[in-house]
Amino acid sequence: MARVRLVPGTGNLSVNGKSAADYFHREVLVMELSAPMVETQTRESYDVVAICHGGGKRGQAGAVCLGIARALSLANPELRAALRRTGFLTRDPRAKERKKYGQPGARKRFQFSKR
């Protein structure tokens, strides 16, 4: 889960009180979360302040990316079409599958014994 705030500024990305590069440690993830701003040419127009928790770093980067895209579409409704076309406003629908009764997990079965 991520909460994202866009503030008019110079393009600083801050996640949980650290810079995005220090928090995610991988350039690919930093590029992923700044992609909506690069697509709409607003990279140097806003500072991003994000608070996220839960999941892994990859999931958090995706959540921040979605939050940035939603915030940009609220700040400037003309950008919504470009963000929608490139898929930044679409949430990843995958979720953890529930555990079934009579089994040790969602898909795992107890060991079969013939005798």
N, C-alpha and C. Protein backbone atom coordinates (compact mmCIF):
# COMPACT_ATOMS: atom_id res chain seq x y z
N MET A 1 0.83 -1.16 0.00
CA MET A 1 0.00 0.00 0.00
C MET A 1 0.89 1.24 0.00
N ALA A 2 0.46 2.25 -0.74
CA ALA A 2 1.27 3.47 -0.82
C ALA A 2 0.37 4.69 -0.78
N ARG A 3 0.84 5.71 -0.10
CA ARG A 3 0.20 7.03 -0.12
C ARG A 3 1.17 7.98 -0.79
N VAL A 4 0.71 8.67 -1.81
CA VAL A 4 1.59 9.52 -2.61
C VAL A 4 1.07 10.95 -2.59
N ARG A 5 1.98 11.88 -2.41
CA ARG A 5 1.64 13.30 -2.44
C ARG A 5 2.54 13.98 -3.46
N LEU A 6 1.92 14.72 -4.39
CA LEU A 6 2.66 15.51 -5.37
C LEU A 6 2.73 16.95 -4.88
N VAL A 7 3.92 17.51 -4.86
CA VAL A 7 4.13 18.88 -4.42
C VAL A 7 4.88 19.60 -5.55
N PRO A 8 4.44 20.79 -5.93
CA PRO A 8 5.21 21.51 -6.96
C PRO A 8 6.66 21.68 -6.51
N GLY A 9 7.58 21.31 -7.39
CA GLY A 9 8.99 21.35 -7.01
C GLY A 9 9.90 21.09 -8.18
N THR A 10 11.02 20.37 -7.89
CA THR A 10 12.07 20.20 -8.89
C THR A 10 12.28 18.75 -9.33
N GLY A 11 11.46 17.82 -8.89
CA GLY A 11 11.58 16.44 -9.34
C GLY A 11 12.20 15.49 -8.35
N ASN A 12 12.25 15.86 -7.06
CA ASN A 12 12.80 14.95 -6.05
C ASN A 12 11.80 13.84 -5.75
N LEU A 13 12.29 12.60 -5.65
CA LEU A 13 11.47 11.45 -5.30
C LEU A 13 11.86 10.99 -3.90
N SER A 14 10.93 11.01 -2.97
CA SER A 14 11.22 10.61 -1.61
C SER A 14 10.23 9.52 -1.19
N VAL A 15 10.76 8.40 -0.69
CA VAL A 15 9.93 7.27 -0.26
C VAL A 15 10.31 6.93 1.18
N ASN A 16 9.34 6.98 2.07
CA ASN A 16 9.54 6.70 3.50
C ASN A 16 10.69 7.51 4.10
N GLY A 17 10.77 8.75 3.71
CA GLY A 17 11.78 9.65 4.27
C GLY A 17 13.16 9.54 3.66
N LYS A 18 13.36 8.67 2.69
CA LYS A 18 14.65 8.53 2.00
C LYS A 18 14.46 8.86 0.53
N SER A 19 15.55 9.11 -0.15
CA SER A 19 15.43 9.29 -1.59
C SER A 19 15.08 7.93 -2.21
N ALA A 20 14.44 7.95 -3.36
CA ALA A 20 13.98 6.71 -4.00
C ALA A 20 15.15 5.77 -4.29
N ALA A 21 16.29 6.32 -4.72
CA ALA A 21 17.46 5.49 -5.02
C ALA A 21 17.99 4.81 -3.76
N ASP A 22 17.97 5.52 -2.63
CA ASP A 22 18.45 4.93 -1.37
C ASP A 22 17.46 3.89 -0.84
N TYR A 23 16.17 4.12 -1.05
CA TYR A 23 15.17 3.20 -0.50
C TYR A 23 15.07 1.91 -1.32
N PHE A 24 15.04 2.02 -2.65
CA PHE A 24 14.84 0.83 -3.49
C PHE A 24 16.14 0.14 -3.88
N HIS A 25 17.27 0.82 -3.90
CA HIS A 25 18.59 0.26 -4.18
C HIS A 25 18.75 -0.29 -5.60
N ARG A 26 17.70 -0.23 -6.42
CA ARG A 26 17.80 -0.75 -7.79
C ARG A 26 17.30 0.32 -8.75
N GLU A 27 18.11 0.59 -9.76
CA GLU A 27 17.78 1.63 -10.73
C GLU A 27 16.50 1.31 -11.50
N VAL A 28 16.25 0.01 -11.73
CA VAL A 28 15.06 -0.40 -12.48
C VAL A 28 13.79 0.01 -11.73
N LEU A 29 13.78 -0.16 -10.42
CA LEU A 29 12.60 0.19 -9.64
C LEU A 29 12.39 1.70 -9.59
N VAL A 30 13.48 2.46 -9.52
CA VAL A 30 13.37 3.92 -9.52
C VAL A 30 12.83 4.39 -10.87
N MET A 31 13.28 3.76 -11.96
CA MET A 31 12.78 4.11 -13.28
C MET A 31 11.30 3.75 -13.40
N GLU A 32 10.91 2.62 -12.80
CA GLU A 32 9.51 2.19 -12.88
C GLU A 32 8.58 3.19 -12.18
N LEU A 33 8.97 3.66 -11.00
CA LEU A 33 8.06 4.55 -10.30
C LEU A 33 8.07 5.96 -10.85
N SER A 34 9.10 6.35 -11.59
CA SER A 34 9.10 7.68 -12.20
C SER A 34 8.58 7.65 -13.64
N ALA A 35 8.21 6.49 -14.15
CA ALA A 35 7.76 6.36 -15.54
C ALA A 35 6.53 7.21 -15.86
N PRO A 36 5.51 7.31 -14.99
CA PRO A 36 4.36 8.16 -15.35
C PRO A 36 4.75 9.63 -15.52
N MET A 37 5.71 10.10 -14.74
CA MET A 37 6.15 11.49 -14.84
C MET A 37 6.98 11.70 -16.11
N VAL A 38 7.76 10.69 -16.48
CA VAL A 38 8.56 10.79 -17.71
C VAL A 38 7.62 10.77 -18.92
N GLU A 39 6.60 9.91 -18.87
CA GLU A 39 5.64 9.80 -19.98
C GLU A 39 4.89 11.11 -20.23
N THR A 40 4.56 11.82 -19.15
CA THR A 40 3.77 13.05 -19.28
C THR A 40 4.64 14.31 -19.24
N GLN A 41 5.96 14.17 -19.27
CA GLN A 41 6.91 15.29 -19.23
C GLN A 41 6.67 16.22 -18.03
N THR A 42 6.41 15.63 -16.85
CA THR A 42 6.22 16.43 -15.64
C THR A 42 7.28 16.08 -14.60
N ARG A 43 8.39 15.49 -15.02
CA ARG A 43 9.43 15.02 -14.09
C ARG A 43 10.01 16.15 -13.25
N GLU A 44 10.25 17.32 -13.86
CA GLU A 44 10.86 18.43 -13.14
C GLU A 44 9.82 19.39 -12.56
N SER A 45 8.53 19.07 -12.70
CA SER A 45 7.48 19.97 -12.22
C SER A 45 7.04 19.67 -10.79
N TYR A 46 7.18 18.41 -10.36
CA TYR A 46 6.66 18.00 -9.06
C TYR A 46 7.70 17.26 -8.25
N ASP A 47 7.63 17.42 -6.93
CA ASP A 47 8.33 16.56 -5.99
C ASP A 47 7.34 15.50 -5.53
N VAL A 48 7.81 14.28 -5.33
CA VAL A 48 6.95 13.19 -4.89
C VAL A 48 7.35 12.80 -3.48
N VAL A 49 6.36 12.76 -2.59
CA VAL A 49 6.56 12.29 -1.23
C VAL A 49 5.65 11.08 -1.05
N ALA A 50 6.24 9.90 -0.86
CA ALA A 50 5.46 8.67 -0.79
C ALA A 50 5.74 7.94 0.53
N ILE A 51 4.70 7.34 1.07
CA ILE A 51 4.82 6.48 2.25
C ILE A 51 4.22 5.14 1.85
N CYS A 52 5.01 4.07 1.97
CA CYS A 52 4.50 2.76 1.57
C CYS A 52 4.94 1.70 2.57
N HIS A 53 4.14 0.66 2.67
CA HIS A 53 4.47 -0.48 3.52
C HIS A 53 3.77 -1.72 2.98
N GLY A 54 4.24 -2.88 3.41
CA GLY A 54 3.66 -4.14 2.98
C GLY A 54 4.26 -4.62 1.68
N GLY A 55 4.25 -5.92 1.47
CA GLY A 55 4.78 -6.49 0.24
C GLY A 55 6.28 -6.36 0.16
N GLY A 56 6.82 -6.54 -1.02
CA GLY A 56 8.26 -6.40 -1.24
C GLY A 56 8.56 -5.08 -1.93
N LYS A 57 9.81 -4.88 -2.23
CA LYS A 57 10.24 -3.63 -2.86
C LYS A 57 9.61 -3.46 -4.24
N ARG A 58 9.50 -4.56 -4.98
CA ARG A 58 8.92 -4.50 -6.33
C ARG A 58 7.45 -4.08 -6.26
N GLY A 59 6.71 -4.69 -5.34
CA GLY A 59 5.30 -4.34 -5.18
C GLY A 59 5.11 -2.91 -4.69
N GLN A 60 6.00 -2.47 -3.81
CA GLN A 60 5.92 -1.09 -3.32
C GLN A 60 6.21 -0.10 -4.45
N ALA A 61 7.16 -0.44 -5.31
CA ALA A 61 7.45 0.44 -6.45
C ALA A 61 6.25 0.52 -7.39
N GLY A 62 5.58 -0.59 -7.60
CA GLY A 62 4.37 -0.59 -8.43
C GLY A 62 3.26 0.23 -7.80
N ALA A 63 3.11 0.13 -6.47
CA ALA A 63 2.08 0.89 -5.77
C ALA A 63 2.36 2.39 -5.84
N VAL A 64 3.62 2.78 -5.68
CA VAL A 64 3.99 4.19 -5.77
C VAL A 64 3.77 4.70 -7.20
N CYS A 65 4.09 3.88 -8.19
CA CYS A 65 3.86 4.24 -9.60
C CYS A 65 2.39 4.51 -9.85
N LEU A 66 1.52 3.62 -9.36
CA LEU A 66 0.08 3.81 -9.52
C LEU A 66 -0.39 5.07 -8.80
N GLY A 67 0.14 5.31 -7.60
CA GLY A 67 -0.22 6.51 -6.85
C GLY A 67 0.20 7.79 -7.55
N ILE A 68 1.39 7.78 -8.15
CA ILE A 68 1.86 8.95 -8.90
C ILE A 68 0.96 9.20 -10.10
N ALA A 69 0.60 8.12 -10.82
CA ALA A 69 -0.26 8.27 -12.00
C ALA A 69 -1.63 8.82 -11.60
N ARG A 70 -2.20 8.32 -10.51
CA ARG A 70 -3.50 8.82 -10.06
C ARG A 70 -3.41 10.28 -9.62
N ALA A 71 -2.33 10.64 -8.93
CA ALA A 71 -2.16 12.02 -8.48
C ALA A 71 -1.98 12.96 -9.68
N LEU A 72 -1.23 12.51 -10.70
CA LEU A 72 -1.05 13.34 -11.89
C LEU A 72 -2.38 13.55 -12.62
N SER A 73 -3.21 12.50 -12.68
CA SER A 73 -4.49 12.63 -13.38
C SER A 73 -5.44 13.55 -12.61
N LEU A 74 -5.30 13.60 -11.28
CA LEU A 74 -6.11 14.55 -10.51
C LEU A 74 -5.59 15.97 -10.65
N ALA A 75 -4.27 16.12 -10.69
CA ALA A 75 -3.67 17.46 -10.80
C ALA A 75 -3.94 18.08 -12.17
N ASN A 76 -3.91 17.26 -13.22
CA ASN A 76 -4.14 17.75 -14.57
C ASN A 76 -4.96 16.71 -15.33
N PRO A 77 -6.28 16.88 -15.44
CA PRO A 77 -7.13 15.89 -16.10
C PRO A 77 -6.79 15.65 -17.57
N GLU A 78 -6.06 16.55 -18.20
CA GLU A 78 -5.67 16.36 -19.60
C GLU A 78 -4.65 15.24 -19.76
N LEU A 79 -3.94 14.91 -18.68
CA LEU A 79 -2.92 13.84 -18.74
C LEU A 79 -3.54 12.46 -18.62
N ARG A 80 -4.80 12.37 -18.22
CA ARG A 80 -5.45 11.08 -17.95
C ARG A 80 -5.44 10.16 -19.16
N ALA A 81 -5.70 10.69 -20.34
CA ALA A 81 -5.74 9.85 -21.55
C ALA A 81 -4.38 9.21 -21.83
N ALA A 82 -3.31 9.98 -21.70
CA ALA A 82 -1.97 9.44 -21.94
C ALA A 82 -1.60 8.40 -20.89
N LEU A 83 -1.96 8.64 -19.63
CA LEU A 83 -1.66 7.68 -18.57
C LEU A 83 -2.47 6.41 -18.75
N ARG A 84 -3.73 6.54 -19.17
CA ARG A 84 -4.58 5.37 -19.39
C ARG A 84 -4.07 4.55 -20.56
N ARG A 85 -3.65 5.23 -21.63
CA ARG A 85 -3.18 4.54 -22.84
C ARG A 85 -1.93 3.71 -22.56
N THR A 86 -1.04 4.22 -21.71
CA THR A 86 0.19 3.49 -21.41
C THR A 86 0.04 2.50 -20.26
N GLY A 87 -1.14 2.44 -19.65
CA GLY A 87 -1.42 1.43 -18.63
C GLY A 87 -1.02 1.79 -17.22
N PHE A 88 -0.72 3.05 -16.97
CA PHE A 88 -0.29 3.45 -15.62
C PHE A 88 -1.44 3.57 -14.64
N LEU A 89 -2.66 3.68 -15.12
CA LEU A 89 -3.81 3.81 -14.22
C LEU A 89 -4.49 2.47 -13.95
N THR A 90 -3.90 1.37 -14.41
CA THR A 90 -4.47 0.04 -14.21
C THR A 90 -3.78 -0.64 -13.04
N ARG A 91 -4.57 -1.09 -12.07
CA ARG A 91 -4.04 -1.76 -10.89
C ARG A 91 -3.72 -3.21 -11.24
N ASP A 92 -2.68 -3.76 -10.63
CA ASP A 92 -2.33 -5.17 -10.82
C ASP A 92 -3.32 -6.00 -10.01
N PRO A 93 -4.15 -6.84 -10.65
CA PRO A 93 -5.22 -7.52 -9.93
C PRO A 93 -4.78 -8.78 -9.17
N ARG A 94 -3.52 -9.18 -9.31
CA ARG A 94 -3.10 -10.43 -8.66
C ARG A 94 -3.12 -10.29 -7.15
N ALA A 95 -3.58 -11.36 -6.49
CA ALA A 95 -3.64 -11.37 -5.03
C ALA A 95 -3.30 -12.78 -4.56
N LYS A 96 -3.00 -12.90 -3.29
CA LYS A 96 -2.67 -14.20 -2.72
C LYS A 96 -3.90 -15.09 -2.71
N GLU A 97 -3.72 -16.34 -3.11
CA GLU A 97 -4.83 -17.29 -3.12
C GLU A 97 -5.08 -17.81 -1.71
N ARG A 98 -6.35 -17.97 -1.36
CA ARG A 98 -6.70 -18.39 -0.01
C ARG A 98 -6.36 -19.86 0.23
N LYS A 99 -6.11 -20.19 1.49
CA LYS A 99 -5.88 -21.57 1.91
C LYS A 99 -7.20 -22.32 1.90
N LYS A 100 -7.18 -23.56 1.40
CA LYS A 100 -8.38 -24.38 1.38
C LYS A 100 -8.41 -25.30 2.60
N TYR A 101 -9.61 -25.61 3.07
CA TYR A 101 -9.74 -26.50 4.22
C TYR A 101 -9.30 -27.92 3.83
N GLY A 102 -8.77 -28.65 4.80
CA GLY A 102 -8.32 -30.02 4.54
C GLY A 102 -7.00 -30.09 3.79
N GLN A 103 -6.33 -28.97 3.61
CA GLN A 103 -5.05 -28.93 2.92
C GLN A 103 -4.10 -28.05 3.71
N PRO A 104 -2.78 -28.27 3.53
CA PRO A 104 -1.83 -27.44 4.26
C PRO A 104 -1.64 -26.04 3.67
N GLY A 105 -2.10 -25.82 2.45
CA GLY A 105 -1.93 -24.50 1.83
C GLY A 105 -2.95 -24.29 0.73
N ALA A 106 -2.71 -23.31 -0.12
CA ALA A 106 -3.65 -23.01 -1.18
C ALA A 106 -3.66 -24.10 -2.26
N ARG A 107 -2.48 -24.57 -2.66
CA ARG A 107 -2.38 -25.59 -3.71
C ARG A 107 -1.78 -26.90 -3.20
N LYS A 108 -0.98 -26.83 -2.15
CA LYS A 108 -0.27 -28.00 -1.65
C LYS A 108 -1.24 -29.02 -1.06
N ARG A 109 -0.93 -30.30 -1.29
CA ARG A 109 -1.76 -31.38 -0.74
C ARG A 109 -0.93 -32.14 0.29
N PHE A 110 -1.62 -32.81 1.20
CA PHE A 110 -0.91 -33.69 2.12
C PHE A 110 -0.32 -34.86 1.34
N GLN A 111 0.78 -35.42 1.84
CA GLN A 111 1.46 -36.50 1.13
C GLN A 111 0.56 -37.72 1.03
N PHE A 112 0.50 -38.30 -0.16
CA PHE A 112 -0.33 -39.48 -0.41
C PHE A 112 0.41 -40.72 0.05
N SER A 113 -0.29 -41.58 0.78
CA SER A 113 0.30 -42.84 1.22
C SER A 113 -0.57 -43.98 0.73
N LYS A 114 0.04 -44.87 -0.05
CA LYS A 114 -0.73 -46.00 -0.63
C LYS A 114 -1.05 -47.03 0.44
N ARG A 115 -0.14 -47.22 1.39
CA ARG A 115 -0.36 -48.21 2.46
C ARG A 115 -0.34 -47.56 3.82
